[in-house]
Amino acid sequence: MINIEIYTKKNCPYCDRAKKLLIKKSLNFTEISIDNLQLSNNIVKTMIERSNGRTTVPQIFINNKHIGGSDDLILLNDSGKLDILLK
């Protein structure tokens, strides 16, 4: 089973774009909202640690592998590598 996690914020067009792609591909994912959380919050600290210091959203993980942000996810999809990763 594929485990997809995406850290997001409300009103984030990049988050929306990434989620739309995952939904279009009929993929289930866990959305972790970091709205109203400070950088010192454990959830945000975990995201930053897992993403090698990135503080922007979305941050996407597939089977605990850091994919990156929305642009990274789209590039993976457009190159056909996302489907390979999901197998």
N, C-alpha and C. Protein backbone atom coordinates (compact mmCIF):
# COMPACT_ATOMS: atom_id res chain seq x y z
N MET A 1 0.84 -1.18 0.00
CA MET A 1 0.00 0.00 0.00
C MET A 1 0.88 1.25 0.00
N ILE A 2 0.53 2.20 -0.81
CA ILE A 2 1.28 3.44 -0.93
C ILE A 2 0.86 4.40 0.18
N ASN A 3 1.85 5.00 0.84
CA ASN A 3 1.60 5.98 1.89
C ASN A 3 2.04 7.35 1.36
N ILE A 4 1.08 8.25 1.18
CA ILE A 4 1.38 9.59 0.69
C ILE A 4 0.98 10.59 1.76
N GLU A 5 1.92 11.45 2.12
CA GLU A 5 1.67 12.51 3.10
C GLU A 5 2.00 13.84 2.44
N ILE A 6 1.16 14.84 2.69
CA ILE A 6 1.39 16.16 2.13
C ILE A 6 1.12 17.22 3.19
N TYR A 7 2.15 18.01 3.49
CA TYR A 7 2.03 19.12 4.43
C TYR A 7 1.50 20.32 3.65
N THR A 8 0.44 20.95 4.16
CA THR A 8 -0.23 22.02 3.44
C THR A 8 -0.62 23.18 4.34
N LYS A 9 -1.04 24.27 3.69
CA LYS A 9 -1.67 25.41 4.34
C LYS A 9 -2.91 25.78 3.53
N LYS A 10 -3.87 26.42 4.17
CA LYS A 10 -5.05 26.93 3.47
C LYS A 10 -4.64 28.03 2.50
N ASN A 11 -5.43 28.19 1.44
CA ASN A 11 -5.23 29.26 0.46
C ASN A 11 -3.86 29.22 -0.19
N CYS A 12 -3.30 28.04 -0.31
CA CYS A 12 -2.00 27.85 -0.95
C CYS A 12 -2.25 27.24 -2.34
N PRO A 13 -2.03 28.01 -3.41
CA PRO A 13 -2.31 27.48 -4.75
C PRO A 13 -1.42 26.29 -5.11
N TYR A 14 -0.21 26.25 -4.58
CA TYR A 14 0.68 25.13 -4.86
C TYR A 14 0.20 23.86 -4.16
N CYS A 15 -0.31 24.02 -2.95
CA CYS A 15 -0.89 22.88 -2.22
C CYS A 15 -2.10 22.35 -2.97
N ASP A 16 -2.95 23.27 -3.41
CA ASP A 16 -4.15 22.87 -4.15
C ASP A 16 -3.79 22.14 -5.43
N ARG A 17 -2.79 22.63 -6.13
CA ARG A 17 -2.36 22.01 -7.39
C ARG A 17 -1.85 20.59 -7.15
N ALA A 18 -1.05 20.41 -6.10
CA ALA A 18 -0.53 19.08 -5.79
C ALA A 18 -1.65 18.13 -5.39
N LYS A 19 -2.58 18.60 -4.56
CA LYS A 19 -3.70 17.76 -4.14
C LYS A 19 -4.59 17.39 -5.31
N LYS A 20 -4.81 18.32 -6.22
CA LYS A 20 -5.64 18.04 -7.41
C LYS A 20 -5.02 16.94 -8.26
N LEU A 21 -3.70 16.97 -8.40
CA LEU A 21 -3.03 15.93 -9.18
C LEU A 21 -3.20 14.57 -8.50
N LEU A 22 -3.01 14.52 -7.19
CA LEU A 22 -3.15 13.26 -6.46
C LEU A 22 -4.59 12.74 -6.56
N ILE A 23 -5.55 13.64 -6.45
CA ILE A 23 -6.96 13.24 -6.56
C ILE A 23 -7.27 12.75 -7.97
N LYS A 24 -6.75 13.47 -8.98
CA LYS A 24 -6.96 13.07 -10.37
C LYS A 24 -6.43 11.66 -10.64
N LYS A 25 -5.35 11.30 -9.97
CA LYS A 25 -4.77 9.98 -10.13
C LYS A 25 -5.41 8.96 -9.18
N SER A 26 -6.47 9.36 -8.50
CA SER A 26 -7.22 8.51 -7.56
C SER A 26 -6.33 7.95 -6.45
N LEU A 27 -5.45 8.80 -5.94
CA LEU A 27 -4.54 8.39 -4.87
C LEU A 27 -5.04 8.91 -3.54
N ASN A 28 -5.01 8.05 -2.55
CA ASN A 28 -5.34 8.47 -1.19
C ASN A 28 -4.10 9.09 -0.57
N PHE A 29 -4.31 10.14 0.20
CA PHE A 29 -3.19 10.79 0.86
C PHE A 29 -3.63 11.35 2.20
N THR A 30 -2.64 11.55 3.06
CA THR A 30 -2.87 12.17 4.36
C THR A 30 -2.42 13.61 4.27
N GLU A 31 -3.34 14.51 4.53
CA GLU A 31 -3.01 15.94 4.51
C GLU A 31 -2.71 16.39 5.93
N ILE A 32 -1.56 17.03 6.10
CA ILE A 32 -1.15 17.53 7.40
C ILE A 32 -1.09 19.05 7.30
N SER A 33 -2.08 19.70 7.88
CA SER A 33 -2.17 21.15 7.81
C SER A 33 -1.23 21.79 8.83
N ILE A 34 -0.47 22.78 8.37
CA ILE A 34 0.39 23.51 9.30
C ILE A 34 -0.12 24.94 9.49
N ASP A 35 -1.38 25.17 9.17
CA ASP A 35 -1.98 26.49 9.41
C ASP A 35 -1.88 26.85 10.88
N ASN A 36 -1.57 28.10 11.12
CA ASN A 36 -1.54 28.65 12.48
C ASN A 36 -0.51 27.98 13.39
N LEU A 37 0.47 27.31 12.82
CA LEU A 37 1.50 26.70 13.64
C LEU A 37 2.80 27.48 13.48
N GLN A 38 3.51 27.65 14.56
CA GLN A 38 4.80 28.34 14.54
C GLN A 38 5.90 27.38 14.10
N LEU A 39 7.02 27.94 13.63
CA LEU A 39 8.14 27.11 13.22
C LEU A 39 8.66 26.24 14.36
N SER A 40 8.37 26.63 15.59
CA SER A 40 8.82 25.85 16.74
C SER A 40 7.88 24.68 17.06
N ASN A 41 6.72 24.62 16.42
CA ASN A 41 5.77 23.54 16.66
C ASN A 41 6.35 22.21 16.19
N ASN A 42 6.07 21.14 16.92
CA ASN A 42 6.63 19.82 16.59
C ASN A 42 6.25 19.34 15.20
N ILE A 43 5.04 19.61 14.75
CA ILE A 43 4.61 19.18 13.42
C ILE A 43 5.44 19.87 12.35
N VAL A 44 5.63 21.18 12.50
CA VAL A 44 6.42 21.94 11.54
C VAL A 44 7.89 21.53 11.61
N LYS A 45 8.40 21.33 12.82
CA LYS A 45 9.79 20.88 12.97
C LYS A 45 10.00 19.54 12.26
N THR A 46 9.04 18.64 12.41
CA THR A 46 9.13 17.34 11.75
C THR A 46 9.15 17.50 10.24
N MET A 47 8.28 18.37 9.71
CA MET A 47 8.25 18.60 8.27
C MET A 47 9.60 19.13 7.78
N ILE A 48 10.14 20.09 8.49
CA ILE A 48 11.42 20.70 8.11
C ILE A 48 12.54 19.67 8.15
N GLU A 49 12.56 18.85 9.19
CA GLU A 49 13.59 17.81 9.30
C GLU A 49 13.45 16.79 8.18
N ARG A 50 12.23 16.34 7.93
CA ARG A 50 12.00 15.33 6.89
C ARG A 50 12.32 15.85 5.50
N SER A 51 12.16 17.16 5.29
CA SER A 51 12.38 17.74 3.97
C SER A 51 13.75 18.39 3.82
N ASN A 52 14.65 18.04 4.69
CA ASN A 52 16.03 18.56 4.63
C ASN A 52 16.09 20.09 4.68
N GLY A 53 15.28 20.66 5.57
CA GLY A 53 15.35 22.09 5.83
C GLY A 53 14.36 22.96 5.08
N ARG A 54 13.54 22.38 4.24
CA ARG A 54 12.56 23.19 3.51
C ARG A 54 11.45 23.64 4.44
N THR A 55 11.08 24.91 4.31
CA THR A 55 10.04 25.46 5.17
C THR A 55 8.78 25.84 4.40
N THR A 56 8.79 25.66 3.09
CA THR A 56 7.63 26.01 2.27
C THR A 56 6.69 24.82 2.14
N VAL A 57 5.46 25.11 1.76
CA VAL A 57 4.48 24.06 1.50
C VAL A 57 4.04 24.14 0.06
N PRO A 58 3.61 23.04 -0.49
CA PRO A 58 3.51 21.74 0.15
C PRO A 58 4.87 21.04 0.22
N GLN A 59 4.97 20.12 1.13
CA GLN A 59 6.08 19.16 1.16
C GLN A 59 5.41 17.79 1.07
N ILE A 60 5.87 17.00 0.11
CA ILE A 60 5.20 15.75 -0.23
C ILE A 60 6.14 14.58 0.01
N PHE A 61 5.58 13.54 0.62
CA PHE A 61 6.34 12.32 0.91
C PHE A 61 5.55 11.12 0.40
N ILE A 62 6.24 10.24 -0.31
CA ILE A 62 5.63 8.99 -0.76
C ILE A 62 6.44 7.85 -0.16
N ASN A 63 5.77 7.03 0.65
CA ASN A 63 6.44 5.95 1.39
C ASN A 63 7.66 6.47 2.12
N ASN A 64 7.48 7.60 2.81
CA ASN A 64 8.50 8.26 3.61
C ASN A 64 9.66 8.82 2.80
N LYS A 65 9.59 8.80 1.48
CA LYS A 65 10.61 9.40 0.63
C LYS A 65 10.18 10.82 0.28
N HIS A 66 11.07 11.78 0.53
CA HIS A 66 10.74 13.16 0.24
C HIS A 66 10.71 13.39 -1.27
N ILE A 67 9.57 13.83 -1.77
CA ILE A 67 9.39 14.11 -3.19
C ILE A 67 9.71 15.56 -3.48
N GLY A 68 9.37 16.45 -2.56
CA GLY A 68 9.57 17.88 -2.74
C GLY A 68 8.24 18.59 -2.70
N GLY A 69 8.14 19.64 -3.49
CA GLY A 69 6.93 20.44 -3.52
C GLY A 69 6.06 20.12 -4.72
N SER A 70 5.16 21.03 -5.00
CA SER A 70 4.20 20.85 -6.08
C SER A 70 4.89 20.72 -7.44
N ASP A 71 5.84 21.60 -7.72
CA ASP A 71 6.55 21.55 -9.00
C ASP A 71 7.28 20.22 -9.17
N ASP A 72 7.87 19.73 -8.09
CA ASP A 72 8.58 18.45 -8.14
C ASP A 72 7.62 17.30 -8.45
N LEU A 73 6.45 17.34 -7.82
CA LEU A 73 5.44 16.30 -8.05
C LEU A 73 4.96 16.33 -9.50
N ILE A 74 4.72 17.52 -10.03
CA ILE A 74 4.26 17.66 -11.41
C ILE A 74 5.34 17.15 -12.39
N LEU A 75 6.59 17.50 -12.13
CA LEU A 75 7.68 17.02 -12.99
C LEU A 75 7.78 15.49 -12.98
N LEU A 76 7.64 14.92 -11.78
CA LEU A 76 7.65 13.45 -11.68
C LEU A 76 6.53 12.85 -12.50
N ASN A 77 5.36 13.45 -12.40
CA ASN A 77 4.21 12.93 -13.13
C ASN A 77 4.41 13.07 -14.64
N ASP A 78 4.84 14.25 -15.07
CA ASP A 78 5.00 14.52 -16.50
C ASP A 78 6.07 13.63 -17.14
N SER A 79 7.07 13.23 -16.35
CA SER A 79 8.13 12.38 -16.87
C SER A 79 7.79 10.90 -16.80
N GLY A 80 6.65 10.56 -16.16
CA GLY A 80 6.26 9.17 -16.01
C GLY A 80 6.88 8.49 -14.80
N LYS A 81 7.73 9.21 -14.09
CA LYS A 81 8.42 8.62 -12.94
C LYS A 81 7.51 8.46 -11.71
N LEU A 82 6.46 9.27 -11.64
CA LEU A 82 5.55 9.15 -10.50
C LEU A 82 4.84 7.79 -10.54
N ASP A 83 4.38 7.38 -11.70
CA ASP A 83 3.70 6.08 -11.82
C ASP A 83 4.63 4.95 -11.45
N ILE A 84 5.89 5.07 -11.82
CA ILE A 84 6.88 4.03 -11.48
C ILE A 84 7.08 4.00 -9.97
N LEU A 85 7.17 5.18 -9.34
CA LEU A 85 7.34 5.27 -7.89
C LEU A 85 6.16 4.70 -7.13
N LEU A 86 4.98 4.79 -7.73
CA LEU A 86 3.76 4.33 -7.05
C LEU A 86 3.53 2.83 -7.17
N LYS A 87 4.32 2.14 -7.97
CA LYS A 87 4.13 0.69 -8.14
C LYS A 87 4.72 -0.07 -6.98
